[in-house]
Amino acid sequence: MNALWEARYETQMRLPQLGPAGQAKLARSHVLVVGAGALGCAVLPWLVGAGVGTVRLVDGDRVEPGNLHRQTLYTECDVGAAKAKVAANHLAARNGTVNIIAEAAMATPHTMRPWVGEADVVLDCADNAATSFLLDDACAALGRPFISAGVEGVDGHVGAFQAGVTPLLRDVFPAMGEGGCEQAGLLGPVAGLMGALQAQMAMAVLLGMAPSPLGTVLCWHGARWAMERMTLGGPVVGNQPPCPVVTLADLKPDDVVWDIRPAMAWPAVPGAVRALPGGLPPQKRVVILCQQGARASLEAAALRKAGHANLALCATVLEGAP
C-alpha cells in the first residue's frame, strides 16, 4: 500500500464497511460486465474508480451516433469503433491500476462459461433477453452471484441473484416482453440510475456487506418518481429446467426450427418453418428463433403450458445479427 494508493481510495476507506482490508479485497476481485451500452457505461466507471482489480467487459457492437445520448463513455470521435475497445481505453485512463480485459465479441453459450468461471461477480448490462438468460444459466451452473438490470422508457429494474441462495432470474422473469430502448425508447438518466445501483450491489457482494443485496429486486417507476423493493425468498425447488439458449451452429438436423422473426429477416435459416406443424411428438425439439430472445421466451412459455417440454431458444442477436 503506497501513498498514491492511499490518496486515491482514502475517502471510501473511511467507511467502516470497507477500510483498508476491504479495499485490498476489491483489488483482488474479478468482475465480469456483459454489455457496454447504456447500463455498462454507467456501471464500469464506478467499478474501475473503486479499484476493482480485474474488470472483463464484453460487447460485440460498435459505437453508433444514436448511442451517444445515453452511452456516456463514448464521444463523436468514437463512432464506428468497437465499444469494448473504446470503453477499455477510457477506463484505463481513469485508473491505470485496474486490469481491464476488453472482449469485442458477442457473448455466446460457448464463450460464457469460461468468463463466468473466472469472475467473482457477474453483471448483466445486456440489452436483450437471450444474453440475460445465458448469463443466468451460466451463473446458476457455476454458483456465481448475478446482478441483472434492465431499462425501458423512464423505468428500470435491478436485482441480485445467486443459485442456492435466492430464486434465479429465470424463476422471477421466465419470459420477457419485447420492450427495450430500440422499441420503447429510453431516457438516458434511467440507465445511469440503474447502473449505479448495479455497481453498488456488486461492491456490496464483493465486500460481504450486511445486509446482502442478494434476493433484492428494485423497480424504478419514473413516471411517478417511486422506487419499489421486492424481497425474494429462498431458492425455487421443483421448477422445470429453463429452456436452453442455443446458437444457429447448435441446431440439429432433426430440430423443428420455428422462425417467428419478420419475413425476410437476416440471416436466412434453411428448413425453418413459419408455423408449427400439428401433431408434433413431445420428444421432438422445437427451437424458437427470434431476434432478441424476448418473443421466443413468450412463445416457449405458451408451448410449455400446452404440454411441449423439449424447447430451446435461439436469437440472432447472439450471431451479431440485427
Protein backbone atom coordinates (compact mmCIF):
# COMPACT_ATOMS: atom_id res chain seq x y z
CA MET A 1 0.00 0.00 0.00
CA ASN A 2 1.71 3.20 -1.19
CA ALA A 3 0.89 6.87 -0.69
CA LEU A 4 -0.76 7.27 -4.10
CA TRP A 5 -2.95 4.22 -3.47
CA GLU A 6 -3.99 5.61 -0.06
CA ALA A 7 -4.70 9.05 -1.52
CA ARG A 8 -6.84 7.61 -4.32
CA TYR A 9 -9.06 5.50 -2.07
CA GLU A 10 -8.90 7.26 1.31
CA THR A 11 -12.46 8.62 1.15
CA GLN A 12 -14.10 5.25 0.59
CA MET A 13 -11.69 3.54 3.00
CA ARG A 14 -13.12 5.72 5.77
CA LEU A 15 -16.30 3.67 5.54
CA PRO A 16 -16.43 1.13 8.37
CA GLN A 17 -17.85 -1.43 5.92
CA LEU A 18 -14.74 -1.12 3.76
CA GLY A 19 -11.49 0.15 5.33
CA PRO A 20 -8.03 -0.86 4.07
CA ALA A 21 -8.89 -4.56 4.28
CA GLY A 22 -11.97 -4.08 2.13
CA GLN A 23 -10.03 -2.01 -0.36
CA ALA A 24 -7.45 -4.76 -0.64
CA LYS A 25 -10.29 -7.24 -1.19
CA LEU A 26 -11.66 -5.13 -4.05
CA ALA A 27 -8.19 -5.09 -5.59
CA ARG A 28 -8.19 -8.90 -5.60
CA SER A 29 -11.67 -9.14 -7.13
CA HIS A 30 -12.66 -10.02 -10.69
CA VAL A 31 -15.93 -8.72 -12.14
CA LEU A 32 -17.47 -9.69 -15.49
CA VAL A 33 -19.60 -7.00 -17.15
CA VAL A 34 -21.54 -8.11 -20.23
CA GLY A 35 -22.75 -5.15 -22.26
CA ALA A 36 -21.04 -1.80 -22.76
CA GLY A 37 -24.17 0.09 -23.75
CA ALA A 38 -26.19 2.46 -21.58
CA LEU A 39 -26.06 0.28 -18.45
CA GLY A 40 -22.46 -0.79 -18.95
CA CYS A 41 -21.35 2.81 -19.44
CA ALA A 42 -22.94 3.63 -16.08
CA VAL A 43 -21.56 0.59 -14.22
CA LEU A 44 -17.99 0.46 -15.49
CA PRO A 45 -16.63 3.83 -14.28
CA TRP A 46 -17.84 3.13 -10.72
CA LEU A 47 -16.20 -0.30 -10.60
CA VAL A 48 -12.94 0.92 -12.11
CA GLY A 49 -12.93 4.05 -9.97
CA ALA A 50 -13.49 1.99 -6.83
CA GLY A 51 -10.41 -0.11 -7.56
CA VAL A 52 -11.88 -3.49 -8.52
CA GLY A 53 -8.75 -5.40 -9.52
CA THR A 54 -9.88 -7.01 -12.78
CA VAL A 55 -12.82 -6.00 -14.95
CA ARG A 56 -13.66 -8.02 -18.06
CA LEU A 57 -16.08 -6.18 -20.33
CA VAL A 58 -17.83 -7.95 -23.19
CA ASP A 59 -19.59 -6.26 -26.11
CA GLY A 60 -19.52 -7.11 -29.80
CA ASP A 61 -21.16 -3.89 -31.03
CA ARG A 62 -19.70 -0.71 -32.47
CA VAL A 63 -20.45 2.87 -31.43
CA GLU A 64 -23.28 4.48 -33.41
CA PRO A 65 -24.45 8.12 -33.37
CA GLY A 66 -27.73 7.07 -31.76
CA ASN A 67 -25.83 5.69 -28.76
CA LEU A 68 -24.25 8.96 -27.67
CA HIS A 69 -27.16 10.48 -25.73
CA ARG A 70 -27.13 7.64 -23.19
CA GLN A 71 -23.80 5.78 -23.50
CA THR A 72 -21.57 8.26 -21.73
CA LEU A 73 -18.17 6.59 -22.22
CA TYR A 74 -18.20 7.42 -25.94
CA THR A 75 -17.69 10.60 -27.95
CA GLU A 76 -18.39 11.61 -31.54
CA CYS A 77 -14.82 10.61 -32.40
CA ASP A 78 -15.58 7.01 -31.36
CA VAL A 79 -18.39 6.40 -33.87
CA GLY A 80 -17.67 3.22 -35.81
CA ALA A 81 -15.18 1.83 -33.30
CA ALA A 82 -15.64 -1.32 -31.20
CA LYS A 83 -17.38 -0.40 -27.94
CA ALA A 84 -15.33 -2.80 -25.82
CA LYS A 85 -12.02 -1.38 -27.04
CA VAL A 86 -13.09 2.26 -26.74
CA ALA A 87 -14.56 1.73 -23.28
CA ALA A 88 -11.42 -0.05 -22.10
CA ASN A 89 -9.23 2.84 -23.27
CA HIS A 90 -11.38 5.43 -21.50
CA LEU A 91 -11.47 3.34 -18.32
CA ALA A 92 -7.71 2.74 -18.33
CA ALA A 93 -7.21 6.50 -18.38
CA ARG A 94 -9.35 6.76 -15.23
CA ASN A 95 -7.46 4.12 -13.24
CA GLY A 96 -4.30 2.56 -14.58
CA THR A 97 -4.06 0.13 -11.65
CA VAL A 98 -7.10 -1.88 -12.80
CA ASN A 99 -6.63 -4.81 -15.17
CA ILE A 100 -9.23 -4.17 -17.88
CA ILE A 101 -9.88 -7.01 -20.33
CA ALA A 102 -11.85 -5.99 -23.42
CA GLU A 103 -13.72 -8.70 -25.33
CA ALA A 104 -15.02 -7.22 -28.60
CA ALA A 105 -17.25 -10.23 -29.23
CA MET A 106 -20.78 -11.40 -28.69
CA ALA A 107 -21.45 -13.47 -25.58
CA THR A 108 -22.47 -17.00 -26.60
CA PRO A 109 -23.10 -20.29 -24.76
CA HIS A 110 -19.59 -21.35 -25.77
CA THR A 111 -17.69 -18.26 -24.58
CA MET A 112 -19.78 -17.53 -21.50
CA ARG A 113 -18.77 -20.37 -19.17
CA PRO A 114 -15.01 -19.61 -19.02
CA TRP A 115 -15.65 -15.89 -18.46
CA VAL A 116 -18.21 -16.54 -15.72
CA GLY A 117 -15.94 -19.14 -14.13
CA GLU A 118 -13.14 -16.60 -13.67
CA ALA A 119 -15.37 -13.92 -12.14
CA ASP A 120 -16.36 -13.30 -8.52
CA VAL A 121 -19.50 -11.39 -9.56
CA VAL A 122 -21.26 -11.17 -12.94
CA LEU A 123 -23.16 -8.08 -14.10
CA ASP A 124 -25.80 -8.27 -16.82
CA CYS A 125 -25.81 -4.98 -18.70
CA ALA A 126 -27.06 -6.53 -21.93
CA ASP A 127 -29.93 -5.15 -23.99
CA ASN A 128 -31.53 -8.45 -24.99
CA ALA A 129 -33.26 -11.33 -23.23
CA ALA A 130 -31.13 -14.07 -24.83
CA THR A 131 -27.91 -12.77 -23.29
CA SER A 132 -29.56 -12.24 -19.89
CA PHE A 133 -30.85 -15.82 -19.92
CA LEU A 134 -27.45 -17.17 -21.00
CA LEU A 135 -25.75 -15.35 -18.14
CA ASP A 136 -28.33 -16.52 -15.63
CA ASP A 137 -27.86 -20.14 -16.72
CA ALA A 138 -24.05 -19.93 -16.55
CA CYS A 139 -24.06 -18.22 -13.15
CA ALA A 140 -26.50 -20.81 -11.80
CA ALA A 141 -24.33 -23.68 -13.04
CA LEU A 142 -21.13 -22.19 -11.60
CA GLY A 143 -22.59 -20.67 -8.42
CA ARG A 144 -21.68 -17.07 -9.18
CA PRO A 145 -23.61 -14.05 -7.84
CA PHE A 146 -25.52 -12.46 -10.71
CA ILE A 147 -26.69 -8.85 -10.83
CA SER A 148 -29.05 -8.05 -13.68
CA ALA A 149 -30.62 -4.77 -14.74
CA GLY A 150 -32.95 -3.59 -17.47
CA VAL A 151 -34.27 -0.22 -18.61
CA GLU A 152 -37.13 0.89 -20.81
CA GLY A 153 -38.62 4.33 -21.35
CA VAL A 154 -38.44 6.07 -17.96
CA ASP A 155 -38.50 2.83 -15.93
CA GLY A 156 -35.90 0.30 -14.86
CA HIS A 157 -35.13 -2.58 -12.54
CA VAL A 158 -32.09 -4.18 -10.95
CA GLY A 159 -31.85 -7.42 -8.99
CA ALA A 160 -29.24 -9.63 -7.34
CA PHE A 161 -29.49 -13.41 -7.61
CA GLN A 162 -27.45 -16.48 -6.64
CA ALA A 163 -28.16 -20.17 -7.13
CA GLY A 164 -28.77 -21.95 -3.84
CA VAL A 165 -29.43 -18.67 -2.04
CA THR A 166 -32.21 -16.92 -3.97
CA PRO A 167 -34.52 -17.64 -6.89
CA LEU A 168 -32.80 -17.30 -10.26
CA LEU A 169 -33.53 -14.51 -12.73
CA ARG A 170 -35.41 -17.01 -14.91
CA ASP A 171 -37.53 -18.08 -11.93
CA VAL A 172 -38.62 -14.47 -11.42
CA PHE A 173 -38.77 -13.49 -15.12
CA PRO A 174 -39.33 -16.75 -17.07
CA ALA A 175 -40.44 -14.79 -20.13
CA MET A 176 -39.61 -11.23 -21.07
CA GLY A 177 -41.53 -8.67 -23.07
CA GLU A 178 -40.22 -7.14 -26.25
CA GLY A 179 -39.52 -3.69 -24.78
CA GLY A 180 -36.05 -2.22 -24.61
CA CYS A 181 -34.72 1.08 -25.85
CA GLU A 182 -34.90 0.15 -29.55
CA GLN A 183 -38.68 -0.29 -29.38
CA ALA A 184 -39.83 1.80 -26.42
CA GLY A 185 -37.15 4.50 -26.28
CA LEU A 186 -35.06 5.39 -23.26
CA LEU A 187 -34.27 8.44 -21.18
CA GLY A 188 -30.54 8.28 -20.53
CA PRO A 189 -30.51 9.08 -16.78
CA VAL A 190 -32.65 5.99 -16.10
CA ALA A 191 -29.75 3.82 -17.28
CA GLY A 192 -27.39 5.87 -15.14
CA LEU A 193 -29.55 5.28 -12.07
CA MET A 194 -29.90 1.52 -12.62
CA GLY A 195 -26.22 1.16 -13.50
CA ALA A 196 -25.14 2.96 -10.34
CA LEU A 197 -27.32 0.61 -8.28
CA GLN A 198 -25.80 -2.39 -10.08
CA ALA A 199 -22.31 -1.18 -9.18
CA GLN A 200 -23.37 -0.61 -5.56
CA MET A 201 -24.81 -4.13 -5.36
CA ALA A 202 -21.68 -5.62 -6.92
CA MET A 203 -19.38 -3.94 -4.42
CA ALA A 204 -21.63 -4.96 -1.53
CA VAL A 205 -21.44 -8.60 -2.65
CA LEU A 206 -17.67 -8.45 -3.18
CA LEU A 207 -17.16 -6.97 0.29
CA GLY A 208 -19.67 -9.22 2.04
CA MET A 209 -21.67 -6.26 3.31
CA ALA A 210 -24.70 -6.88 5.52
CA PRO A 211 -27.48 -6.90 4.72
CA SER A 212 -26.64 -8.52 1.40
CA PRO A 213 -28.37 -7.28 -1.75
CA LEU A 214 -28.82 -10.91 -2.88
CA GLY A 215 -32.53 -11.63 -3.16
CA THR A 216 -33.46 -7.98 -3.68
CA VAL A 217 -35.09 -6.53 -6.81
CA LEU A 218 -35.52 -2.76 -7.09
CA CYS A 219 -38.01 -1.39 -9.62
CA TRP A 220 -37.87 2.28 -10.59
CA HIS A 221 -41.15 3.83 -11.83
CA GLY A 222 -40.03 7.08 -13.41
CA ALA A 223 -43.48 8.44 -14.25
CA ARG A 224 -44.41 8.53 -10.56
CA TRP A 225 -40.97 9.02 -9.03
CA ALA A 226 -41.19 5.82 -7.00
CA MET A 227 -38.79 3.00 -6.18
CA GLU A 228 -40.40 -0.34 -5.32
CA ARG A 229 -38.44 -3.01 -3.44
CA MET A 230 -39.17 -6.71 -3.75
CA THR A 231 -37.56 -9.18 -1.35
CA LEU A 232 -37.30 -12.65 -2.85
CA GLY A 233 -37.46 -15.86 -0.86
CA GLY A 234 -35.09 -18.79 -0.99
CA PRO A 235 -34.26 -20.97 -3.99
CA VAL A 236 -37.15 -22.26 -6.08
CA VAL A 237 -37.38 -26.06 -5.99
CA GLY A 238 -39.24 -28.27 -8.45
CA ASN A 239 -39.48 -25.93 -11.45
CA GLN A 240 -38.90 -27.34 -14.92
CA PRO A 241 -35.36 -26.61 -16.11
CA PRO A 242 -35.31 -23.41 -18.18
CA CYS A 243 -35.26 -23.67 -21.96
CA PRO A 244 -31.62 -23.63 -23.08
CA VAL A 245 -30.39 -20.79 -25.26
CA VAL A 246 -28.61 -22.04 -28.39
CA THR A 247 -26.88 -20.51 -31.40
CA LEU A 248 -27.50 -21.27 -35.06
CA ALA A 249 -24.42 -23.51 -35.00
CA ASP A 250 -26.08 -25.64 -32.31
CA LEU A 251 -29.11 -26.53 -34.44
CA LYS A 252 -29.54 -30.26 -35.11
CA PRO A 253 -30.85 -31.85 -38.32
CA ASP A 254 -33.98 -33.20 -36.62
CA ASP A 255 -34.87 -29.95 -34.83
CA VAL A 256 -38.06 -28.14 -35.75
CA VAL A 257 -36.91 -24.53 -36.10
CA TRP A 258 -39.84 -22.16 -35.69
CA ASP A 259 -38.85 -18.77 -37.11
CA ILE A 260 -41.01 -16.01 -35.61
CA ARG A 261 -38.92 -13.14 -36.97
CA PRO A 262 -40.34 -10.72 -39.55
CA ALA A 263 -40.36 -12.05 -43.11
CA MET A 264 -37.02 -11.70 -44.95
CA ALA A 265 -35.10 -11.27 -41.69
CA TRP A 266 -31.35 -11.91 -41.89
CA PRO A 267 -29.77 -14.42 -41.70
CA ALA A 268 -32.00 -16.88 -43.52
CA VAL A 269 -32.23 -20.26 -41.79
CA PRO A 270 -32.75 -23.14 -44.23
CA GLY A 271 -35.52 -25.52 -43.22
CA ALA A 272 -37.10 -23.16 -40.69
CA VAL A 273 -40.89 -23.06 -40.58
CA ARG A 274 -43.16 -20.06 -40.14
CA ALA A 275 -45.93 -22.03 -38.44
CA LEU A 276 -45.61 -25.04 -36.19
CA PRO A 277 -46.96 -28.23 -37.76
CA GLY A 278 -49.66 -30.02 -35.81
CA GLY A 279 -49.18 -33.34 -34.09
CA LEU A 280 -45.56 -32.89 -33.09
CA PRO A 281 -44.37 -35.70 -30.83
CA PRO A 282 -43.50 -34.35 -27.36
CA GLN A 283 -39.89 -35.57 -27.63
CA LYS A 284 -39.29 -33.53 -30.79
CA ARG A 285 -37.14 -30.49 -30.01
CA VAL A 286 -38.64 -27.19 -31.09
CA VAL A 287 -36.16 -24.32 -31.40
CA ILE A 288 -37.92 -20.95 -31.36
CA LEU A 289 -35.98 -18.37 -33.36
CA CYS A 290 -36.36 -14.62 -32.95
CA GLN A 291 -34.07 -11.58 -32.96
CA GLN A 292 -33.58 -10.68 -29.29
CA GLY A 293 -34.88 -13.70 -27.37
CA ALA A 294 -37.88 -11.97 -25.79
CA ARG A 295 -40.55 -13.14 -28.24
CA ALA A 296 -39.10 -16.65 -28.21
CA SER A 297 -39.35 -16.76 -24.40
CA LEU A 298 -43.03 -15.77 -24.54
CA GLU A 299 -43.83 -18.42 -27.15
CA ALA A 300 -41.88 -21.02 -25.17
CA ALA A 301 -43.94 -20.26 -22.07
CA ALA A 302 -47.15 -20.80 -24.05
CA LEU A 303 -45.88 -24.07 -25.55
CA ARG A 304 -44.89 -25.35 -22.12
CA LYS A 305 -48.36 -24.67 -20.82
CA ALA A 306 -49.67 -26.67 -23.77
CA GLY A 307 -47.50 -29.62 -22.72
CA HIS A 308 -44.46 -29.39 -25.01
CA ALA A 309 -41.35 -29.56 -22.84
CA ASN A 310 -38.47 -30.10 -25.31
CA LEU A 311 -37.80 -26.49 -26.27
CA ALA A 312 -34.84 -24.22 -26.94
CA LEU A 313 -34.47 -20.51 -27.62
CA CYS A 314 -32.33 -19.08 -30.42
CA ALA A 315 -31.73 -15.36 -31.01
CA THR A 316 -29.89 -13.91 -33.98
CA VAL A 317 -28.52 -11.12 -31.79
CA LEU A 318 -26.03 -13.71 -30.49
CA GLU A 319 -24.69 -14.02 -34.04
CA GLY A 320 -24.06 -10.29 -34.29
CA ALA A 321 -27.15 -10.01 -36.50
CA PRO A 322 -29.66 -7.17 -36.07
